[in-house]
Every structure is written in C-alpha cells, then in structure tokens.
Amino acid sequence: MKLTKQEKSWVLYDVGNSAFIMLATALIPVYFKSLAEPGSSVVVAWGYAETVASLLLALLMPVLGSLADLKGNKKKFFIGTVGTGAIALAALGIPSAALAFLVVYVIASIMLNGSIVFYDAFLVDATEESRYDEVSSQGYAWGYIGSCIPFILSLIVVLGGPSVGIPMDVGMKVAFLITAVWWVLFSIPLIKNVHQTHYKERAEHLLRDTFAGLWRTLKRIWKDKRLRLFMLAFFCYIDGVHTIIKMSTSYGTDLGIDSTQLVLALLMTQFVAFPSAIAYGRLSSKFGTKRMLLVAVFAYFCITLFAAFFLREALEFWILAFFVGLFQGGIQALSRSEFGKLIPKEHANEYYGFFDIFGKYAAVMGTFLVSVFTQLTGNSSIGVLSIATLFIIGFVLLWKMPEKA
C-alpha cells in the first residue's frame, strides 16, 4: 500500500520508539543483573519495576490524554514525553547501584509509554478510518525491522567491546546514547508533518471539565456493548502479550540460558514480526479484524503453555521467539486500529488514555503475578503459567463482541 506523507511520518515514530522497547526487552535486564546483588532473582526485581511503571502510567494517562485532546495540545504532550524520556534513557548509564538504575528506568519507561499513547491517538489525524488496520500494521512492521539497526549497533559495542578493551558497562552507556538519539530523530517527521485535526475546544473551567469529561467517557464506554466487551477482552489478552515481551529475557536468564542466545533469538523475532505484521493488516481486510484477533489470542495461549511446560534450553527459546514474532505485531496493531474505529475522533487521546489504562493495568497484573508466583514457589515456570487463563477469558469476551454496534 502506498502511504501518504502523513502516514509515513506517523509510521516512522514506531521505528524510533521500538528501538528503546527492543533494548529494554533484550539487553537492559541482562545489564541490570550485573548491577543486582549476587543470587537475587532478576525476574522478581524486574517484574516489580515494570509493575510500578505501568501502574503510574495507567493512573496518569486518562487525565493527560483528556488535556491533550484540547486544540493544539496533542503535539506539545508528545514532544514533552519524548524529550524527557530520551534524556532519562541516555542517563541510564550513570547509576552504578541497582535501585538507582531502576528509578531512572521507571521514569524513562513512563515517558516512552506515555508518548506511545499520544502517538496512537495521532492515527486518527494521520489517515482515514478505512486505512487504520493497514497503517497501524505498517507502523508495527517497520518498527520491528527498523529497531534492529540501533540494536545491532548496540550489540556490536556491548558484546564485541570486551575483545577490543571496552568493558560491558561502558558499552551499555554507548548503547543507551545510540538508542536515545535514534528515538529523537525518528520522532521529528511526526512532529513536523502530522497535525491535530480532531480536537476539543478549550473550556472555561479546564480542570473541572476535564474530570467531568472523563466520567462521561467512562459511562459511554460501559453503555456501548461492543466497546465494553472489546475493552474487557483487550484488558485480559494484552496482559499476556505485555508480560511475555517484558519478562522473556529475565525469565530465560533465570533458567540459565546464555545471554547471547537470548539476545539473538529476540533479534530474530523482529525479522519474523516484520512481514507477519504487514500480512496481518492485509488479512484483516479479507477475514475481518475480530477474526484475526481471535487467531492471535489463541496462538498466544499456546505460546504461554509452551513457555511454561517446555522452555528449558536455548533451542526452545528460539522456537518461542519465532512464534511470538508471528503474532506479536498483528495482535498489537489490530487492537490499536480496532479501538480507533470505535471511538469519537475528537476525543482520541482521552479514549486512548483509557485504552492504555486497560493495557497497563493488565501489564501490572501480569508482571505482578509472575513475580509473586516465582518468589513464592521458586519456579519461574509457574509464574508464567499463571497468566494463561487471561488469554482464555480474553478470547471468550472477544468472541461475544458484536461485529457491529
């Protein structure tokens, strides 16, 4: 599909922010393990850090999203979160203590995910509704493949550095800087070329009207059966998706899988996800968005069972990474675009703020469950298994969602 200038600019931000997501998934937990106390569980500490970041973001985003819906505000909020997040990301190389590192990481993570909420809401400004599925899928697809460039550069510095006298900690400092610069550069096209065309007019009593508007939005979501069922289903199934993305490397590390194997397998996931995400966008136009989402949710349920019962060696991790790549982009892209079809465009940020609440509170529950069950049982596999039921619930709710309102 030929993309317009605005659509290309919107897609490019996925290339920028995905670099940080890739680094946070693959290398940052490994680096954090080198800062943590010997014998401590990376899964537990990392899970709690992700839980705090997700919880704070879920509480903030509906309010900030409502304010961003006001005329001229969306881009300001977007620039603010990207700028603050990039500074925090670059600063991750400064702390030498595990706790201080986690604090800076939580700030960077909140800013990253906050910017993504505003970015998602820009979809309604960048393209037409009939193109949401395709453009959203293109964003995830190019994000996967584009993020590999700074990630490979980071790998060369971090893994190859010791052979030429560059310690791992210095290599990671360079990797943080590379990723931060990449993130900022690929945000520029959106800032320059995509403009807020759907918005609310400014109110006389800003704070009062903001909270009153949020309450009205909540009531609208609950009264709309299709939107209500979709949000509840999304809350359940995206939990497992986010948890697998955030915890895969730390889970593999706890199982004793070599860090190089983990990183290379996750890099392969990006290459698999590129054509898969594009294919998902096109298949949705033939078979329907809901049907393709059901396929992805069921696939993730199977992936979770595989991780809990069969993942023990590097080979199984490679198999897991391949199948995650097949469905990860599709389930995220179509969830984002389907939601955009169900909401009023002038309230896009406000609605996407609630969309983020459902996604982030699910991530809170998933990472928290994994951490708690791992800590209680001493077995990471039981922690992973605890989230499988959410895919079942999500599948049933999505199945019951009417095709049309």
Protein backbone atom coordinates (compact mmCIF):
# COMPACT_ATOMS: atom_id res chain seq x y z
CA MET A 1 0.00 0.00 0.00
CA LYS A 2 1.30 3.43 -0.96
CA LEU A 3 1.48 5.62 2.12
CA THR A 4 0.88 9.37 2.18
CA LYS A 5 3.48 11.75 3.63
CA GLN A 6 1.49 12.00 6.88
CA GLU A 7 1.12 8.21 7.12
CA LYS A 8 4.85 7.65 6.53
CA SER A 9 5.71 10.25 9.18
CA TRP A 10 3.36 8.52 11.64
CA VAL A 11 4.82 5.08 10.86
CA LEU A 12 8.38 6.32 11.39
CA TYR A 13 7.75 7.01 15.07
CA ASP A 14 7.21 3.28 15.55
CA VAL A 15 10.74 2.86 14.15
CA GLY A 16 12.02 5.33 16.75
CA ASN A 17 10.29 4.11 19.91
CA SER A 18 10.72 0.41 19.07
CA ALA A 19 14.48 0.77 19.48
CA PHE A 20 14.03 1.51 23.20
CA ILE A 21 11.49 -1.31 23.55
CA MET A 22 13.93 -3.75 21.94
CA LEU A 23 16.79 -2.63 24.19
CA ALA A 24 14.55 -2.88 27.27
CA THR A 25 13.45 -6.38 26.27
CA ALA A 26 16.83 -7.85 25.39
CA LEU A 27 19.85 -6.04 26.86
CA ILE A 28 18.72 -3.89 29.79
CA PRO A 29 17.63 -6.85 32.01
CA VAL A 30 20.99 -8.51 31.34
CA TYR A 31 22.80 -5.31 32.29
CA PHE A 32 20.60 -4.93 35.37
CA LYS A 33 21.63 -8.42 36.50
CA SER A 34 25.24 -7.23 36.55
CA LEU A 35 24.23 -4.41 38.94
CA ALA A 36 21.99 -6.54 41.16
CA GLU A 37 23.10 -8.37 44.30
CA PRO A 38 24.58 -11.83 43.57
CA GLY A 39 21.95 -14.56 43.87
CA SER A 40 18.96 -12.20 43.59
CA SER A 41 16.21 -13.02 41.06
CA VAL A 42 16.12 -10.74 38.02
CA VAL A 43 12.52 -11.83 37.35
CA VAL A 44 11.32 -10.60 40.75
CA ALA A 45 13.09 -7.20 40.73
CA TRP A 46 12.39 -6.50 37.08
CA GLY A 47 8.76 -7.55 37.45
CA TYR A 48 8.19 -5.15 40.33
CA ALA A 49 9.87 -2.29 38.45
CA GLU A 50 7.66 -2.86 35.40
CA THR A 51 4.63 -3.05 37.71
CA VAL A 52 5.40 0.36 39.25
CA ALA A 53 5.97 1.97 35.83
CA SER A 54 2.76 0.51 34.43
CA LEU A 55 0.68 1.50 37.47
CA LEU A 56 1.86 5.12 37.46
CA LEU A 57 1.28 5.43 33.72
CA ALA A 58 -2.21 3.92 33.96
CA LEU A 59 -3.17 6.48 36.62
CA LEU A 60 -1.78 9.47 34.70
CA MET A 61 -2.74 8.85 31.10
CA PRO A 62 -6.54 9.37 31.10
CA VAL A 63 -6.12 12.83 32.64
CA LEU A 64 -3.18 13.79 30.43
CA GLY A 65 -4.97 12.30 27.43
CA SER A 66 -8.05 14.40 28.08
CA LEU A 67 -5.90 17.54 28.31
CA ALA A 68 -4.07 16.54 25.13
CA ASP A 69 -7.38 16.38 23.24
CA LEU A 70 -7.71 20.16 23.57
CA LYS A 71 -6.88 22.13 20.44
CA GLY A 72 -3.10 22.44 19.95
CA ASN A 73 -2.14 20.26 22.92
CA LYS A 74 -1.55 16.81 21.44
CA LYS A 75 1.78 17.62 19.85
CA LYS A 76 3.02 19.51 22.93
CA PHE A 77 2.38 16.49 25.14
CA PHE A 78 4.01 14.22 22.59
CA ILE A 79 7.17 16.36 22.41
CA GLY A 80 7.33 16.60 26.20
CA THR A 81 7.20 12.86 26.79
CA VAL A 82 9.68 12.04 24.00
CA GLY A 83 12.16 14.67 25.17
CA THR A 84 12.01 13.71 28.85
CA GLY A 85 12.12 10.01 28.03
CA ALA A 86 15.15 10.34 25.75
CA ILE A 87 17.06 12.26 28.43
CA ALA A 88 16.23 9.60 31.03
CA LEU A 89 17.23 6.83 28.63
CA ALA A 90 20.60 8.46 27.94
CA ALA A 91 21.06 8.89 31.71
CA LEU A 92 20.65 5.15 32.39
CA GLY A 93 24.40 4.77 32.05
CA ILE A 94 25.03 6.96 35.10
CA PRO A 95 23.72 4.89 38.09
CA SER A 96 26.01 2.17 39.42
CA ALA A 97 23.54 0.86 42.04
CA ALA A 98 20.62 -1.41 41.07
CA LEU A 99 17.93 0.62 42.86
CA ALA A 100 19.01 3.96 41.36
CA PHE A 101 19.12 2.34 37.93
CA LEU A 102 15.55 1.05 38.35
CA VAL A 103 14.30 4.52 39.36
CA VAL A 104 15.75 6.13 36.21
CA TYR A 105 14.45 3.23 34.11
CA VAL A 106 10.92 3.67 35.51
CA ILE A 107 10.99 7.37 34.52
CA ALA A 108 12.20 6.54 31.00
CA SER A 109 9.62 3.77 30.66
CA ILE A 110 6.74 6.01 31.75
CA MET A 111 7.76 8.68 29.24
CA LEU A 112 8.15 6.12 26.45
CA ASN A 113 4.72 4.60 27.01
CA GLY A 114 3.15 8.00 27.53
CA SER A 115 4.45 9.14 24.15
CA ILE A 116 3.02 5.99 22.57
CA VAL A 117 -0.47 6.86 23.86
CA PHE A 118 -0.28 10.27 22.14
CA TYR A 119 1.24 8.60 19.08
CA ASP A 120 -1.60 6.06 18.92
CA ALA A 121 -4.11 8.90 19.13
CA PHE A 122 -2.40 10.62 16.17
CA LEU A 123 -3.56 7.69 14.00
CA VAL A 124 -6.97 9.37 13.59
CA ASP A 125 -5.20 12.54 12.36
CA ALA A 126 -2.68 10.84 10.07
CA THR A 127 -5.03 8.70 7.96
CA GLU A 128 -8.62 7.71 7.15
CA GLU A 129 -10.61 5.13 9.09
CA SER A 130 -10.69 2.70 6.15
CA ARG A 131 -6.87 2.59 6.30
CA TYR A 132 -6.45 2.21 10.09
CA ASP A 133 -5.68 -1.54 10.04
CA GLU A 134 -3.15 -1.29 7.23
CA VAL A 135 -1.36 1.84 8.52
CA SER A 136 -1.28 0.55 12.10
CA SER A 137 0.19 -2.75 10.90
CA GLN A 138 2.78 -0.92 8.80
CA GLY A 139 3.80 1.00 11.91
CA TYR A 140 4.45 -2.13 13.94
CA ALA A 141 6.13 -3.87 10.98
CA TRP A 142 8.62 -1.10 10.25
CA GLY A 143 9.11 -0.61 13.98
CA TYR A 144 10.28 -4.20 14.30
CA ILE A 145 12.70 -4.10 11.39
CA GLY A 146 13.87 -0.51 11.98
CA SER A 147 14.67 -1.08 15.64
CA CYS A 148 17.17 -3.74 14.61
CA ILE A 149 19.60 -1.12 13.26
CA PRO A 150 20.41 0.68 16.56
CA PHE A 151 20.06 -2.63 18.40
CA ILE A 152 22.69 -4.33 16.22
CA LEU A 153 24.98 -1.33 16.72
CA SER A 154 24.43 -1.67 20.46
CA LEU A 155 25.16 -5.40 20.30
CA ILE A 156 28.43 -4.76 18.49
CA VAL A 157 29.52 -2.31 21.17
CA VAL A 158 28.30 -4.35 24.16
CA LEU A 159 29.17 -7.89 23.09
CA GLY A 160 32.16 -7.09 20.88
CA GLY A 161 33.56 -4.33 23.05
CA PRO A 162 35.44 -6.54 25.54
CA SER A 163 37.55 -8.01 22.73
CA VAL A 164 38.93 -4.54 21.96
CA GLY A 165 39.19 -3.39 25.56
CA ILE A 166 35.74 -1.76 26.01
CA PRO A 167 34.08 -3.05 29.24
CA MET A 168 30.41 -4.07 29.15
CA ASP A 169 29.30 -1.17 31.37
CA VAL A 170 30.92 1.35 29.01
CA GLY A 171 29.38 -0.44 26.03
CA MET A 172 25.94 -0.17 27.65
CA LYS A 173 26.41 3.58 28.21
CA VAL A 174 27.09 3.93 24.48
CA ALA A 175 24.05 1.75 23.70
CA PHE A 176 21.80 3.99 25.81
CA LEU A 177 23.03 7.06 23.93
CA ILE A 178 22.62 5.43 20.49
CA THR A 179 19.05 4.41 21.29
CA ALA A 180 18.11 7.81 22.75
CA VAL A 181 19.40 9.66 19.66
CA TRP A 182 17.60 7.20 17.35
CA TRP A 183 14.34 7.71 19.28
CA VAL A 184 14.51 11.51 18.95
CA LEU A 185 15.48 11.50 15.26
CA PHE A 186 12.54 9.35 14.23
CA SER A 187 10.07 11.45 16.18
CA ILE A 188 10.88 14.53 14.06
CA PRO A 189 8.82 13.56 10.94
CA LEU A 190 5.65 13.13 13.02
CA ILE A 191 6.25 16.42 14.83
CA LYS A 192 6.80 18.19 11.51
CA ASN A 193 4.18 16.61 9.24
CA VAL A 194 1.27 15.25 11.31
CA HIS A 195 -1.12 17.81 12.78
CA GLN A 196 -4.02 17.56 15.21
CA THR A 197 -7.13 17.73 13.02
CA HIS A 198 -9.55 16.23 15.58
CA TYR A 199 -9.78 18.09 18.89
CA LYS A 200 -11.94 19.52 21.66
CA GLU A 201 -12.33 23.26 22.10
CA ARG A 202 -10.81 24.73 25.22
CA ALA A 203 -13.17 25.01 28.18
CA GLU A 204 -13.53 27.86 30.65
CA HIS A 205 -13.14 25.61 33.71
CA LEU A 206 -10.36 23.34 32.50
CA LEU A 207 -9.78 21.04 35.47
CA ARG A 208 -13.44 20.60 36.36
CA ASP A 209 -14.46 19.96 32.77
CA THR A 210 -11.57 17.52 32.31
CA PHE A 211 -12.69 15.24 35.15
CA ALA A 212 -16.35 15.60 34.18
CA GLY A 213 -15.42 14.59 30.64
CA LEU A 214 -13.53 11.55 31.89
CA TRP A 215 -16.58 10.40 33.84
CA ARG A 216 -18.80 10.86 30.76
CA THR A 217 -16.32 8.86 28.69
CA LEU A 218 -16.33 6.02 31.19
CA LYS A 219 -20.14 5.90 31.05
CA ARG A 220 -20.09 5.91 27.23
CA ILE A 221 -17.61 3.03 27.18
CA TRP A 222 -19.76 0.99 29.55
CA LYS A 223 -23.03 1.68 27.71
CA ASP A 224 -21.58 0.74 24.30
CA LYS A 225 -21.70 -3.09 24.35
CA ARG A 226 -19.20 -3.54 21.55
CA LEU A 227 -16.70 -1.11 23.05
CA ARG A 228 -17.23 -2.52 26.56
CA LEU A 229 -16.60 -6.13 25.51
CA PHE A 230 -13.62 -5.15 23.39
CA MET A 231 -12.01 -3.23 26.27
CA LEU A 232 -12.55 -6.10 28.72
CA ALA A 233 -11.19 -8.63 26.23
CA PHE A 234 -8.22 -6.37 25.48
CA PHE A 235 -7.55 -5.99 29.20
CA CYS A 236 -7.22 -9.76 29.51
CA TYR A 237 -5.31 -10.82 26.41
CA ILE A 238 -2.89 -7.89 26.24
CA ASP A 239 -1.77 -8.81 29.76
CA GLY A 240 -0.04 -11.92 28.49
CA VAL A 241 1.37 -10.13 25.47
CA HIS A 242 2.99 -7.37 27.54
CA THR A 243 4.21 -9.80 30.16
CA ILE A 244 5.88 -12.04 27.59
CA ILE A 245 7.52 -9.02 25.94
CA LYS A 246 8.76 -7.55 29.23
CA MET A 247 9.75 -10.71 31.07
CA SER A 248 11.05 -13.05 28.35
CA THR A 249 14.74 -12.20 28.74
CA SER A 250 14.71 -12.18 32.55
CA TYR A 251 12.78 -15.49 32.51
CA GLY A 252 15.36 -17.03 30.17
CA THR A 253 18.16 -15.66 32.34
CA ASP A 254 16.67 -17.31 35.43
CA LEU A 255 16.54 -20.62 33.52
CA GLY A 256 20.27 -20.30 32.87
CA ILE A 257 20.10 -19.71 29.12
CA ASP A 258 23.15 -17.90 27.77
CA SER A 259 22.53 -14.15 27.36
CA THR A 260 23.92 -14.12 23.81
CA GLN A 261 21.42 -16.80 22.78
CA LEU A 262 18.59 -14.82 24.36
CA VAL A 263 19.51 -11.61 22.58
CA LEU A 264 20.00 -13.21 19.16
CA ALA A 265 16.70 -15.09 19.44
CA LEU A 266 14.86 -11.87 20.25
CA LEU A 267 16.57 -10.19 17.30
CA MET A 268 15.19 -12.97 15.08
CA THR A 269 11.72 -12.17 16.48
CA GLN A 270 11.98 -8.68 14.98
CA PHE A 271 12.70 -10.03 11.50
CA VAL A 272 9.86 -12.55 11.71
CA ALA A 273 7.47 -9.90 13.01
CA PHE A 274 8.12 -7.52 10.09
CA PRO A 275 6.33 -9.48 7.32
CA SER A 276 3.89 -11.01 9.81
CA ALA A 277 2.56 -7.63 10.96
CA ILE A 278 2.05 -6.45 7.37
CA ALA A 279 0.35 -9.74 6.50
CA TYR A 280 -1.97 -9.36 9.47
CA GLY A 281 -3.07 -5.92 8.30
CA ARG A 282 -3.93 -7.27 4.88
CA LEU A 283 -5.60 -10.45 6.13
CA SER A 284 -7.86 -8.34 8.36
CA SER A 285 -9.36 -6.71 5.27
CA LYS A 286 -10.22 -10.17 3.93
CA PHE A 287 -11.28 -12.07 7.05
CA GLY A 288 -12.16 -9.23 9.44
CA THR A 289 -10.26 -7.62 12.31
CA LYS A 290 -12.10 -9.53 15.03
CA ARG A 291 -11.40 -12.94 13.49
CA MET A 292 -7.70 -12.22 13.08
CA LEU A 293 -7.52 -11.02 16.70
CA LEU A 294 -9.13 -14.28 17.86
CA VAL A 295 -6.49 -16.27 15.98
CA ALA A 296 -3.71 -14.26 17.63
CA VAL A 297 -5.17 -14.62 21.15
CA PHE A 298 -5.45 -18.39 20.78
CA ALA A 299 -1.88 -18.53 19.42
CA TYR A 300 -0.60 -16.61 22.45
CA PHE A 301 -2.39 -19.02 24.78
CA CYS A 302 -0.48 -21.87 23.12
CA ILE A 303 2.77 -19.90 23.33
CA THR A 304 2.26 -19.41 27.09
CA LEU A 305 1.71 -23.13 27.64
CA PHE A 306 4.85 -23.88 25.62
CA ALA A 307 6.89 -21.43 27.72
CA ALA A 308 5.63 -22.89 30.99
CA PHE A 309 5.99 -26.60 30.18
CA PHE A 310 8.69 -26.94 27.54
CA LEU A 311 11.04 -23.94 27.72
CA ARG A 312 14.23 -25.20 29.37
CA GLU A 313 17.06 -24.81 26.83
CA ALA A 314 18.17 -22.27 24.22
CA LEU A 315 16.55 -24.23 21.35
CA GLU A 316 13.11 -23.95 22.95
CA PHE A 317 13.69 -20.22 23.47
CA TRP A 318 14.42 -19.83 19.74
CA ILE A 319 11.19 -21.69 18.90
CA LEU A 320 9.26 -19.49 21.33
CA ALA A 321 10.78 -16.31 19.85
CA PHE A 322 9.80 -17.39 16.32
CA PHE A 323 6.14 -17.94 17.18
CA VAL A 324 5.96 -14.75 19.23
CA GLY A 325 7.20 -12.92 16.14
CA LEU A 326 4.40 -14.39 14.04
CA PHE A 327 1.63 -12.93 16.20
CA GLN A 328 3.04 -10.07 18.27
CA GLY A 329 2.72 -7.31 15.68
CA GLY A 330 -0.68 -8.47 14.49
CA ILE A 331 -2.36 -8.54 17.88
CA GLN A 332 -0.99 -5.13 18.85
CA ALA A 333 -1.61 -3.41 15.52
CA LEU A 334 -5.17 -4.67 15.07
CA SER A 335 -6.07 -3.91 18.70
CA ARG A 336 -4.90 -0.33 18.18
CA SER A 337 -6.74 0.13 14.89
CA GLU A 338 -9.95 -1.62 16.01
CA PHE A 339 -10.16 0.67 19.02
CA GLY A 340 -9.70 3.70 16.74
CA LYS A 341 -12.78 2.63 14.76
CA LEU A 342 -14.95 2.50 17.88
CA ILE A 343 -14.23 5.93 19.38
CA PRO A 344 -15.11 9.58 18.61
CA LYS A 345 -12.09 11.09 16.83
CA GLU A 346 -12.13 14.44 18.67
CA HIS A 347 -11.68 12.56 21.97
CA ALA A 348 -8.97 10.21 20.68
CA ASN A 349 -6.35 10.98 23.36
CA GLU A 350 -8.89 10.67 26.17
CA TYR A 351 -10.14 7.32 24.87
CA TYR A 352 -6.63 6.05 24.15
CA GLY A 353 -5.79 7.06 27.73
CA PHE A 354 -8.41 4.58 28.92
CA PHE A 355 -7.17 2.11 26.31
CA ASP A 356 -3.78 2.48 27.96
CA ILE A 357 -5.28 2.02 31.45
CA PHE A 358 -6.72 -1.32 30.38
CA GLY A 359 -3.42 -2.31 28.78
CA LYS A 360 -1.20 -1.09 31.60
CA TYR A 361 -3.28 -2.42 34.47
CA ALA A 362 -3.25 -5.76 32.67
CA ALA A 363 0.54 -5.46 32.48
CA VAL A 364 0.59 -4.63 36.19
CA MET A 365 -1.34 -7.80 36.95
CA GLY A 366 0.73 -9.97 34.63
CA THR A 367 4.17 -8.89 35.78
CA PHE A 368 2.99 -8.89 39.40
CA LEU A 369 1.61 -12.43 39.10
CA VAL A 370 4.80 -13.70 37.52
CA SER A 371 6.93 -12.07 40.21
CA VAL A 372 4.77 -13.23 43.13
CA PHE A 373 4.36 -16.85 41.98
CA THR A 374 8.04 -17.07 41.10
CA GLN A 375 9.00 -15.71 44.51
CA LEU A 376 6.56 -17.98 46.40
CA THR A 377 7.40 -21.20 44.56
CA GLY A 378 10.97 -20.56 43.44
CA ASN A 379 9.84 -21.72 39.98
CA SER A 380 9.63 -19.23 37.09
CA SER A 381 7.51 -21.65 35.03
CA ILE A 382 4.62 -21.47 37.50
CA GLY A 383 4.76 -17.69 37.31
CA VAL A 384 4.45 -17.83 33.52
CA LEU A 385 1.61 -20.36 33.69
CA SER A 386 -0.42 -18.04 35.94
CA ILE A 387 -1.22 -15.69 33.04
CA ALA A 388 -2.57 -18.36 30.64
CA THR A 389 -6.12 -18.10 31.98
CA LEU A 390 -6.28 -14.44 30.92
CA PHE A 391 -5.95 -15.47 27.28
CA ILE A 392 -8.94 -17.79 27.70
CA ILE A 393 -11.07 -15.03 29.24
CA GLY A 394 -9.96 -12.55 26.57
CA PHE A 395 -10.82 -15.00 23.79
CA VAL A 396 -14.34 -15.60 25.15
CA LEU A 397 -15.09 -11.88 25.60
CA LEU A 398 -13.79 -11.05 22.13
CA TRP A 399 -15.85 -13.88 20.65
CA LYS A 400 -19.01 -12.39 22.22
CA MET A 401 -18.33 -8.90 20.89
CA PRO A 402 -20.86 -7.95 18.17
CA GLU A 403 -19.45 -7.33 14.71
CA LYS A 404 -21.30 -4.02 14.54
CA ALA A 405 -22.69 -1.73 17.20
